[in-house]
């Protein structure tokens, strides 16, 4: 997910994506702990996507407030 993709979405879409990515991160942590994780780079990718979304949401909150 690119930063331009994140900035193009609405706040509701970003919150939905954030919720979905949070669940995926949780599942990836469980897979890593049980030794079933095949795509280890996905953990890093999900964490960075979450950070991008939180950054954009924070920027919009500061701009609105």
C-alpha atoms as a PDB file:
ATOM      1  CA  UNK A   1       0.000   0.000   0.000  1.00  0.00           C
ATOM      2  CA  UNK A   2       1.460   3.339  -1.040  1.00  0.00           C
ATOM      3  CA  UNK A   3       1.069   6.595   0.843  1.00  0.00           C
ATOM      4  CA  UNK A   4      -0.814   8.083  -2.118  1.00  0.00           C
ATOM      5  CA  UNK A   5      -3.325   5.215  -1.913  1.00  0.00           C
ATOM      6  CA  UNK A   6      -3.867   5.891   1.771  1.00  0.00           C
ATOM      7  CA  UNK A   7      -4.311   9.637   1.285  1.00  0.00           C
ATOM      8  CA  UNK A   8      -6.945   9.051  -1.413  1.00  0.00           C
ATOM      9  CA  UNK A   9      -9.234   7.125   0.962  1.00  0.00           C
ATOM     10  CA  UNK A  10     -11.884   8.526   3.288  1.00  0.00           C
ATOM     11  CA  UNK A  11     -11.601   8.395   7.071  1.00  0.00           C
ATOM     12  CA  UNK A  12     -14.186   5.594   7.282  1.00  0.00           C
ATOM     13  CA  UNK A  13     -12.298   3.518   4.704  1.00  0.00           C
ATOM     14  CA  UNK A  14      -9.045   4.061   6.583  1.00  0.00           C
ATOM     15  CA  UNK A  15     -10.580   2.976   9.883  1.00  0.00           C
ATOM     16  CA  UNK A  16     -11.956  -0.169   8.231  1.00  0.00           C
ATOM     17  CA  UNK A  17      -8.540  -0.930   6.705  1.00  0.00           C
ATOM     18  CA  UNK A  18      -6.872  -0.317  10.062  1.00  0.00           C
ATOM     19  CA  UNK A  19      -9.227  -2.773  11.752  1.00  0.00           C
ATOM     20  CA  UNK A  20      -8.580  -5.403   9.081  1.00  0.00           C
ATOM     21  CA  UNK A  21      -4.809  -4.944   9.255  1.00  0.00           C
ATOM     22  CA  UNK A  22      -4.890  -5.190  13.038  1.00  0.00           C
ATOM     23  CA  UNK A  23      -6.631  -8.547  12.799  1.00  0.00           C
ATOM     24  CA  UNK A  24      -4.146  -9.708  10.170  1.00  0.00           C
ATOM     25  CA  UNK A  25      -1.209  -8.657  12.368  1.00  0.00           C
ATOM     26  CA  UNK A  26      -2.712 -10.619  15.261  1.00  0.00           C
ATOM     27  CA  UNK A  27      -3.056 -13.731  13.084  1.00  0.00           C
ATOM     28  CA  UNK A  28       0.490 -13.342  11.762  1.00  0.00           C
ATOM     29  CA  UNK A  29       1.853 -13.156  15.311  1.00  0.00           C
ATOM     30  CA  UNK A  30       0.069 -16.397  16.154  1.00  0.00           C
ATOM     31  CA  UNK A  31       1.399 -18.078  13.023  1.00  0.00           C
ATOM     32  CA  UNK A  32       4.942 -16.954  13.847  1.00  0.00           C
ATOM     33  CA  UNK A  33       4.679 -18.251  17.407  1.00  0.00           C
ATOM     34  CA  UNK A  34       3.408 -21.648  16.278  1.00  0.00           C
ATOM     35  CA  UNK A  35       5.964 -21.955  13.474  1.00  0.00           C
ATOM     36  CA  UNK A  36       3.402 -21.870  10.661  1.00  0.00           C
ATOM     37  CA  UNK A  37       4.347 -18.486   9.180  1.00  0.00           C
ATOM     38  CA  UNK A  38       5.547 -18.889   5.595  1.00  0.00           C
ATOM     39  CA  UNK A  39       5.714 -15.288   4.366  1.00  0.00           C
ATOM     40  CA  UNK A  40       7.773 -13.555   7.043  1.00  0.00           C
ATOM     41  CA  UNK A  41       7.987 -10.285   5.105  1.00  0.00           C
ATOM     42  CA  UNK A  42       4.215  -9.842   5.411  1.00  0.00           C
ATOM     43  CA  UNK A  43       4.606  -9.029   9.142  1.00  0.00           C
ATOM     44  CA  UNK A  44       6.773  -6.014   8.348  1.00  0.00           C
ATOM     45  CA  UNK A  45       4.528  -4.952   5.475  1.00  0.00           C
ATOM     46  CA  UNK A  46       1.408  -5.026   7.664  1.00  0.00           C
ATOM     47  CA  UNK A  47       3.115  -3.050  10.446  1.00  0.00           C
ATOM     48  CA  UNK A  48       4.182  -0.369   7.996  1.00  0.00           C
ATOM     49  CA  UNK A  49       0.718  -0.175   6.418  1.00  0.00           C
ATOM     50  CA  UNK A  50      -0.774   0.308   9.893  1.00  0.00           C
ATOM     51  CA  UNK A  51       1.738   3.091  10.568  1.00  0.00           C
ATOM     52  CA  UNK A  52       0.902   4.795   7.260  1.00  0.00           C
ATOM     53  CA  UNK A  53      -2.811   4.752   8.011  1.00  0.00           C
ATOM     54  CA  UNK A  54      -2.331   6.039  11.562  1.00  0.00           C
ATOM     55  CA  UNK A  55      -0.095   8.831  10.262  1.00  0.00           C
ATOM     56  CA  UNK A  56      -2.670   9.992   7.714  1.00  0.00           C
ATOM     57  CA  UNK A  57      -5.485   9.783  10.263  1.00  0.00           C
ATOM     58  CA  UNK A  58      -3.412  11.858  12.697  1.00  0.00           C
ATOM     59  CA  UNK A  59      -2.659  14.468  10.041  1.00  0.00           C
ATOM     60  CA  UNK A  60      -6.335  14.778   9.185  1.00  0.00           C
ATOM     61  CA  UNK A  61      -7.319  15.039  12.853  1.00  0.00           C
ATOM     62  CA  UNK A  62      -4.814  17.851  13.427  1.00  0.00           C
ATOM     63  CA  UNK A  63      -5.971  19.622  10.274  1.00  0.00           C
ATOM     64  CA  UNK A  64      -9.654  19.395  11.280  1.00  0.00           C
ATOM     65  CA  UNK A  65      -9.061  20.315  14.916  1.00  0.00           C
END
